[in-house]
Amino acid sequence: MQIFYDLDKIERDEKTVITLGTFDGIHLGHKKILEKFVEKANGINGRNLLVTFSPHPRSVLVKDKKVRLLSTLNEKIPILESLGVLNLLIINFTEVFSQKTSYQFVKEYFVDKIGVNEIVIGYDHHFGKGRDGNFEALSKMGNEFNFNVSMVESVSVDKITVSSSKIRDALSEGNISLANKLLGRRYSFSGVVVEGDKRGRELGFPTANIEDFGDDKFLPVIGIYLVDIIVEDKNYYGLMSIGRRPTFYESGDVTTEVFIMNFSKDIYGLKVTVNIIERIRDEEKFSTVEELIAQIKKDELKGKEIIKKLN
């Protein structure tokens, strides 16, 4: 995949098929758009180019709202490449850029600079100042500038229309099964293993404390989860806790830590990827350490039962 941050670095090619958007999560609806986009480019023996934005437009337009991402830019790039995207333009989204109307944007970027044969968008996609750009507006521009426009319909799973907001809702409720269905894969995040307070080791369940997954990364609701964790390109099952450890602390920051089953290596400083399989329970405050240890053992047994069903 070729990645561009500068419009002027892209050679003009009239046989370019373009799609655009944030593609947060790259869920089943996005995948349908990308399939059509790749198919259209291949059909004319042309170039496919995906245009996206960083930071997320809402983080610029709605300053008092912290935008939590289902997929960071670094997470999106390999997924997009695996789905056949060959060229990626990442536009720095600023307040100045946000003032461009959809017409100005399409003419300046696609018509005058990149070259465009066709634009593929989702059924509900809007862009440009005041969200004035949509399928109807693009169709009028296509008539004016001689390019085609294709719209991709929605995708539904269990009668639910797939969207990034529905996935966030599911993760907020701990409904990992639904989130994973809408994504078409397990929800995941990557981070670096750091030293913690070694409470897990004292309890007989040493954990990998994970940080640096990005302040803007969306994590599921506090609780205990069964996960698949990738360490040095190898997969291991584990139990993940997202929470404040109320048995030991009255208050505190939310931490993310994983007890990796059948694993004893020192992995401090390593980057790991966590794929979330299922939520096991809420976080609880126990009266004694012994009660906590007994519950962790129950969690491990439940996790192993789930693993058996998976395999």
Protein backbone atom coordinates (compact mmCIF):
# COMPACT_ATOMS: atom_id res chain seq x y z
CA MET A 1 0.00 0.00 0.00
CA GLN A 2 1.16 3.51 -0.82
CA ILE A 3 0.37 6.04 1.91
CA PHE A 4 0.20 9.75 1.10
CA TYR A 5 0.02 12.70 3.46
CA ASP A 6 0.55 15.30 0.74
CA LEU A 7 -1.92 15.76 -2.11
CA ASP A 8 0.85 17.02 -4.41
CA LYS A 9 2.71 13.69 -4.11
CA ILE A 10 -0.10 11.81 -5.85
CA GLU A 11 0.28 11.46 -9.62
CA ARG A 12 -2.80 12.35 -11.63
CA ASP A 13 -4.65 9.35 -13.04
CA GLU A 14 -8.10 9.72 -14.63
CA LYS A 15 -8.76 5.99 -14.04
CA THR A 16 -8.96 6.41 -10.26
CA VAL A 17 -11.80 5.02 -8.16
CA ILE A 18 -12.15 6.86 -4.84
CA THR A 19 -13.90 6.21 -1.57
CA LEU A 20 -13.74 8.49 1.44
CA GLY A 21 -14.57 8.53 5.13
CA THR A 22 -13.21 7.88 8.61
CA PHE A 23 -13.95 4.12 8.43
CA ASP A 24 -13.84 3.90 12.22
CA GLY A 25 -13.80 0.23 13.19
CA ILE A 26 -13.80 -0.98 9.58
CA HIS A 27 -16.96 -2.97 10.31
CA LEU A 28 -19.07 -5.15 8.00
CA GLY A 29 -20.75 -2.10 6.44
CA HIS A 30 -17.35 -0.58 5.65
CA LYS A 31 -16.15 -3.89 4.22
CA LYS A 32 -19.07 -3.93 1.78
CA ILE A 33 -18.11 -0.43 0.60
CA LEU A 34 -14.47 -1.46 0.23
CA GLU A 35 -15.39 -4.59 -1.74
CA LYS A 36 -17.38 -2.50 -4.21
CA PHE A 37 -14.62 0.14 -4.35
CA VAL A 38 -11.89 -2.45 -5.12
CA GLU A 39 -14.15 -4.22 -7.63
CA LYS A 40 -14.89 -0.98 -9.50
CA ALA A 41 -11.19 -0.11 -9.79
CA ASN A 42 -10.26 -3.60 -10.94
CA GLY A 43 -13.12 -3.50 -13.47
CA ILE A 44 -11.52 -0.60 -15.34
CA ASN A 45 -7.96 -1.75 -14.68
CA GLY A 46 -7.58 1.46 -12.70
CA ARG A 47 -6.22 2.77 -9.41
CA ASN A 48 -8.08 2.58 -6.11
CA LEU A 49 -7.55 5.41 -3.61
CA LEU A 50 -9.09 5.67 -0.16
CA VAL A 51 -9.24 9.13 1.39
CA THR A 52 -9.46 9.42 5.17
CA PHE A 53 -8.89 12.06 7.83
CA SER A 54 -6.72 12.45 10.92
CA PRO A 55 -7.53 13.49 13.56
CA HIS A 56 -11.15 12.33 13.55
CA PRO A 57 -13.29 15.24 12.29
CA ARG A 58 -15.51 15.22 15.39
CA SER A 59 -12.50 15.87 17.61
CA VAL A 60 -11.99 19.15 15.71
CA LEU A 61 -15.61 20.14 15.17
CA VAL A 62 -16.90 19.27 18.65
CA LYS A 63 -14.14 20.52 20.91
CA ASP A 64 -15.82 19.71 24.21
CA LYS A 65 -16.36 16.06 23.28
CA LYS A 66 -13.57 13.49 23.53
CA VAL A 67 -13.80 11.18 20.52
CA ARG A 68 -13.02 7.56 21.33
CA LEU A 69 -11.97 5.53 18.31
CA LEU A 70 -12.86 1.94 17.53
CA SER A 71 -9.71 1.81 15.42
CA THR A 72 -6.75 4.16 15.55
CA LEU A 73 -5.01 5.15 12.33
CA ASN A 74 -2.20 2.67 12.98
CA GLU A 75 -4.75 -0.10 13.50
CA LYS A 76 -6.70 0.81 10.36
CA ILE A 77 -3.80 0.78 7.92
CA PRO A 78 -3.04 -3.00 7.97
CA ILE A 79 -6.76 -3.87 7.90
CA LEU A 80 -7.37 -1.62 4.90
CA GLU A 81 -4.39 -3.14 3.13
CA SER A 82 -5.67 -6.67 3.79
CA LEU A 83 -8.99 -5.66 2.18
CA GLY A 84 -7.33 -4.59 -1.05
CA VAL A 85 -6.77 -0.85 -0.57
CA LEU A 86 -3.66 0.00 -2.59
CA ASN A 87 -3.47 3.77 -2.09
CA LEU A 88 -4.32 5.77 1.02
CA LEU A 89 -4.48 9.56 1.33
CA ILE A 90 -4.54 10.80 4.93
CA ILE A 91 -5.73 14.41 5.13
CA ASN A 92 -4.86 16.50 8.17
CA PHE A 93 -8.30 17.58 9.37
CA THR A 94 -8.13 21.13 10.71
CA GLU A 95 -10.61 23.91 11.40
CA VAL A 96 -9.53 25.59 8.16
CA PHE A 97 -10.06 22.38 6.18
CA SER A 98 -13.48 21.89 7.82
CA GLN A 99 -14.70 25.08 6.11
CA LYS A 100 -14.49 23.53 2.64
CA THR A 101 -17.85 22.66 1.14
CA SER A 102 -18.21 19.23 -0.43
CA TYR A 103 -18.13 20.86 -3.87
CA GLN A 104 -14.89 22.73 -3.12
CA PHE A 105 -13.31 19.57 -1.72
CA VAL A 106 -14.26 17.32 -4.62
CA LYS A 107 -13.19 19.83 -7.25
CA GLU A 108 -9.91 20.80 -5.57
CA TYR A 109 -8.80 17.32 -4.55
CA PHE A 110 -10.40 14.86 -6.96
CA VAL A 111 -11.21 16.72 -10.18
CA ASP A 112 -8.29 19.17 -10.36
CA LYS A 113 -5.54 17.10 -8.71
CA ILE A 114 -5.98 13.34 -8.35
CA GLY A 115 -8.20 12.50 -11.29
CA VAL A 116 -11.40 10.53 -10.78
CA ASN A 117 -13.41 7.97 -12.73
CA GLU A 118 -15.82 6.99 -9.95
CA ILE A 119 -16.59 7.72 -6.29
CA VAL A 120 -18.03 4.96 -4.07
CA ILE A 121 -19.76 5.95 -0.82
CA GLY A 122 -22.03 4.43 1.81
CA TYR A 123 -25.78 5.08 1.88
CA ASP A 124 -25.60 7.51 4.80
CA HIS A 125 -22.26 9.20 4.15
CA HIS A 126 -22.05 13.00 4.50
CA PHE A 127 -19.01 15.23 4.19
CA GLY A 128 -18.01 18.84 3.69
CA LYS A 129 -18.97 22.02 5.56
CA GLY A 130 -22.36 21.58 7.13
CA ARG A 131 -22.33 17.94 5.93
CA ASP A 132 -23.63 19.19 2.59
CA GLY A 133 -22.03 16.36 0.62
CA ASN A 134 -23.97 13.13 0.04
CA PHE A 135 -24.93 10.78 -2.80
CA GLU A 136 -27.30 13.30 -4.43
CA ALA A 137 -24.75 16.13 -4.26
CA LEU A 138 -21.99 13.88 -5.62
CA SER A 139 -24.26 12.73 -8.48
CA LYS A 140 -24.74 16.36 -9.56
CA MET A 141 -20.97 16.92 -9.41
CA GLY A 142 -20.45 13.74 -11.39
CA ASN A 143 -22.69 15.07 -14.14
CA GLU A 144 -20.75 18.32 -14.17
CA PHE A 145 -17.24 16.83 -14.03
CA ASN A 146 -17.89 13.54 -15.83
CA PHE A 147 -17.35 10.91 -13.13
CA ASN A 148 -19.60 8.12 -11.86
CA VAL A 149 -20.99 7.73 -8.35
CA SER A 150 -21.96 4.45 -6.67
CA MET A 151 -23.85 4.12 -3.40
CA VAL A 152 -23.56 1.02 -1.22
CA GLU A 153 -26.59 0.03 0.85
CA SER A 154 -26.55 -0.75 4.56
CA VAL A 155 -25.61 -4.11 6.07
CA SER A 156 -27.71 -5.69 8.82
CA VAL A 157 -26.83 -8.37 11.36
CA ASP A 158 -29.60 -9.89 13.50
CA LYS A 159 -31.88 -7.12 12.17
CA ILE A 160 -29.46 -4.45 13.43
CA THR A 161 -28.04 -1.99 10.90
CA VAL A 162 -24.28 -2.09 11.25
CA SER A 163 -22.69 1.20 12.31
CA SER A 164 -19.79 2.44 14.40
CA SER A 165 -22.21 3.93 16.94
CA LYS A 166 -24.01 0.58 17.39
CA ILE A 167 -20.64 -1.07 18.03
CA ARG A 168 -19.74 1.57 20.63
CA ASP A 169 -23.10 1.01 22.32
CA ALA A 170 -22.49 -2.74 22.42
CA LEU A 171 -19.01 -2.30 23.90
CA SER A 172 -20.38 0.16 26.46
CA GLU A 173 -22.87 -2.48 27.57
CA GLY A 174 -20.29 -5.27 27.62
CA ASN A 175 -22.05 -7.02 24.74
CA ILE A 176 -18.86 -8.28 23.11
CA SER A 177 -20.69 -10.94 21.11
CA LEU A 178 -22.79 -8.31 19.31
CA ALA A 179 -19.84 -5.94 18.82
CA ASN A 180 -17.79 -8.72 17.25
CA LYS A 181 -20.69 -9.73 14.98
CA LEU A 182 -21.09 -6.18 13.70
CA LEU A 183 -17.35 -5.84 13.18
CA GLY A 184 -16.95 -9.21 11.49
CA ARG A 185 -13.95 -9.92 13.74
CA ARG A 186 -12.94 -9.69 17.39
CA TYR A 187 -12.65 -6.20 18.81
CA SER A 188 -9.00 -5.50 19.56
CA PHE A 189 -6.44 -3.01 20.78
CA SER A 190 -2.65 -2.90 21.00
CA GLY A 191 -0.45 -1.55 23.76
CA VAL A 192 2.83 -1.89 25.60
CA VAL A 193 3.37 -4.09 28.67
CA VAL A 194 4.54 -2.01 31.65
CA GLU A 195 5.38 -2.74 35.27
CA GLY A 196 2.43 -2.60 37.64
CA ASP A 197 2.15 -3.01 41.40
CA LYS A 198 2.63 -6.81 41.05
CA ARG A 199 -0.61 -7.55 42.91
CA GLY A 200 -1.40 -10.33 40.46
CA ARG A 201 1.90 -12.06 41.11
CA GLU A 202 1.21 -12.00 44.86
CA LEU A 203 -2.19 -13.58 44.23
CA GLY A 204 -0.71 -16.34 42.06
CA PHE A 205 -2.09 -14.83 38.85
CA PRO A 206 0.66 -12.59 37.39
CA THR A 207 -0.74 -10.06 34.95
CA ALA A 208 0.61 -8.01 32.07
CA ASN A 209 -0.34 -4.37 32.63
CA ILE A 210 -1.02 -2.78 29.27
CA GLU A 211 -0.71 0.93 28.54
CA ASP A 212 0.02 3.20 25.58
CA PHE A 213 -2.90 1.95 23.49
CA GLY A 214 -3.82 5.58 22.83
CA ASP A 215 -5.83 8.08 24.84
CA ASP A 216 -8.43 8.13 22.08
CA LYS A 217 -8.93 4.34 21.93
CA PHE A 218 -12.39 3.09 22.90
CA LEU A 219 -12.26 0.33 25.50
CA PRO A 220 -15.23 -1.78 26.64
CA VAL A 221 -17.04 -1.16 29.90
CA ILE A 222 -15.25 -2.09 33.15
CA GLY A 223 -15.29 -5.84 33.79
CA ILE A 224 -13.55 -9.19 33.34
CA TYR A 225 -13.10 -10.61 29.83
CA LEU A 226 -11.79 -13.69 28.07
CA VAL A 227 -9.25 -12.59 25.47
CA ASP A 228 -6.78 -13.86 22.92
CA ILE A 229 -3.49 -11.98 23.33
CA ILE A 230 -0.76 -11.91 20.70
CA VAL A 231 2.77 -11.83 22.13
CA GLU A 232 5.72 -11.95 19.71
CA ASP A 233 3.44 -13.28 16.93
CA LYS A 234 2.10 -16.13 19.11
CA ASN A 235 -1.47 -16.38 20.40
CA TYR A 236 -2.38 -17.13 24.01
CA TYR A 237 -5.67 -17.12 25.88
CA GLY A 238 -6.02 -14.91 28.91
CA LEU A 239 -8.32 -13.14 31.37
CA MET A 240 -8.40 -9.37 31.07
CA SER A 241 -9.48 -6.98 33.79
CA ILE A 242 -10.51 -3.43 32.90
CA GLY A 243 -11.16 -1.66 36.17
CA ARG A 244 -10.11 0.18 39.31
CA ARG A 245 -9.26 -2.87 41.49
CA PRO A 246 -11.77 -1.94 44.24
CA THR A 247 -10.66 -4.76 46.55
CA PHE A 248 -7.36 -2.91 47.07
CA TYR A 249 -8.15 0.74 46.28
CA GLU A 250 -11.01 3.03 47.25
CA SER A 251 -10.57 4.97 44.03
CA GLY A 252 -8.09 5.24 41.22
CA ASP A 253 -7.47 5.22 37.51
CA VAL A 254 -8.85 2.48 35.31
CA THR A 255 -6.14 -0.05 34.50
CA THR A 256 -6.01 -2.76 31.86
CA GLU A 257 -4.22 -6.00 32.74
CA VAL A 258 -4.20 -9.53 31.37
CA PHE A 259 -3.48 -12.81 33.13
CA ILE A 260 -2.02 -14.90 30.30
CA MET A 261 -2.77 -18.59 30.67
CA ASN A 262 0.14 -21.06 30.50
CA PHE A 263 2.67 -18.26 30.16
CA SER A 264 5.62 -17.19 32.29
CA LYS A 265 7.95 -15.07 30.12
CA ASP A 266 9.13 -11.55 30.99
CA ILE A 267 7.50 -9.33 28.40
CA TYR A 268 7.97 -5.85 29.88
CA GLY A 269 8.35 -3.30 27.12
CA LEU A 270 6.84 -5.51 24.42
CA LYS A 271 3.92 -4.44 22.26
CA VAL A 272 1.00 -6.87 22.43
CA THR A 273 -2.39 -7.07 20.73
CA VAL A 274 -5.50 -8.08 22.66
CA ASN A 275 -8.52 -9.58 20.87
CA ILE A 276 -11.61 -9.63 23.09
CA ILE A 277 -13.66 -12.82 22.96
CA GLU A 278 -16.35 -12.57 25.63
CA ARG A 279 -17.27 -10.71 28.80
CA ILE A 280 -17.24 -12.94 31.87
CA ARG A 281 -18.54 -10.70 34.67
CA ASP A 282 -18.66 -7.25 36.26
CA GLU A 283 -15.81 -5.98 38.38
CA GLU A 284 -16.47 -6.70 42.06
CA LYS A 285 -15.14 -5.58 45.45
CA PHE A 286 -14.30 -8.54 47.71
CA SER A 287 -14.10 -8.52 51.49
CA THR A 288 -10.92 -10.59 51.55
CA VAL A 289 -8.05 -11.48 49.25
CA GLU A 290 -9.06 -15.14 49.59
CA GLU A 291 -12.48 -14.38 48.14
CA LEU A 292 -10.85 -12.60 45.19
CA ILE A 293 -8.51 -15.53 44.51
CA ALA A 294 -11.44 -17.97 44.63
CA GLN A 295 -13.34 -15.81 42.10
CA ILE A 296 -10.35 -15.58 39.76
CA LYS A 297 -10.14 -19.39 39.78
CA LYS A 298 -13.84 -19.53 38.85
CA ASP A 299 -13.20 -17.00 36.06
CA GLU A 300 -10.37 -19.16 34.74
CA LEU A 301 -12.58 -22.24 34.71
CA LYS A 302 -15.35 -20.34 32.89
CA GLY A 303 -12.80 -19.04 30.41
CA LYS A 304 -11.54 -22.55 29.72
CA GLU A 305 -15.12 -23.75 29.14
CA ILE A 306 -15.57 -21.03 26.53
CA ILE A 307 -12.24 -21.92 24.92
CA LYS A 308 -13.36 -25.58 24.60
CA LYS A 309 -16.48 -24.47 22.75
CA LEU A 310 -14.37 -22.29 20.44
CA ASN A 311 -12.07 -25.17 19.57
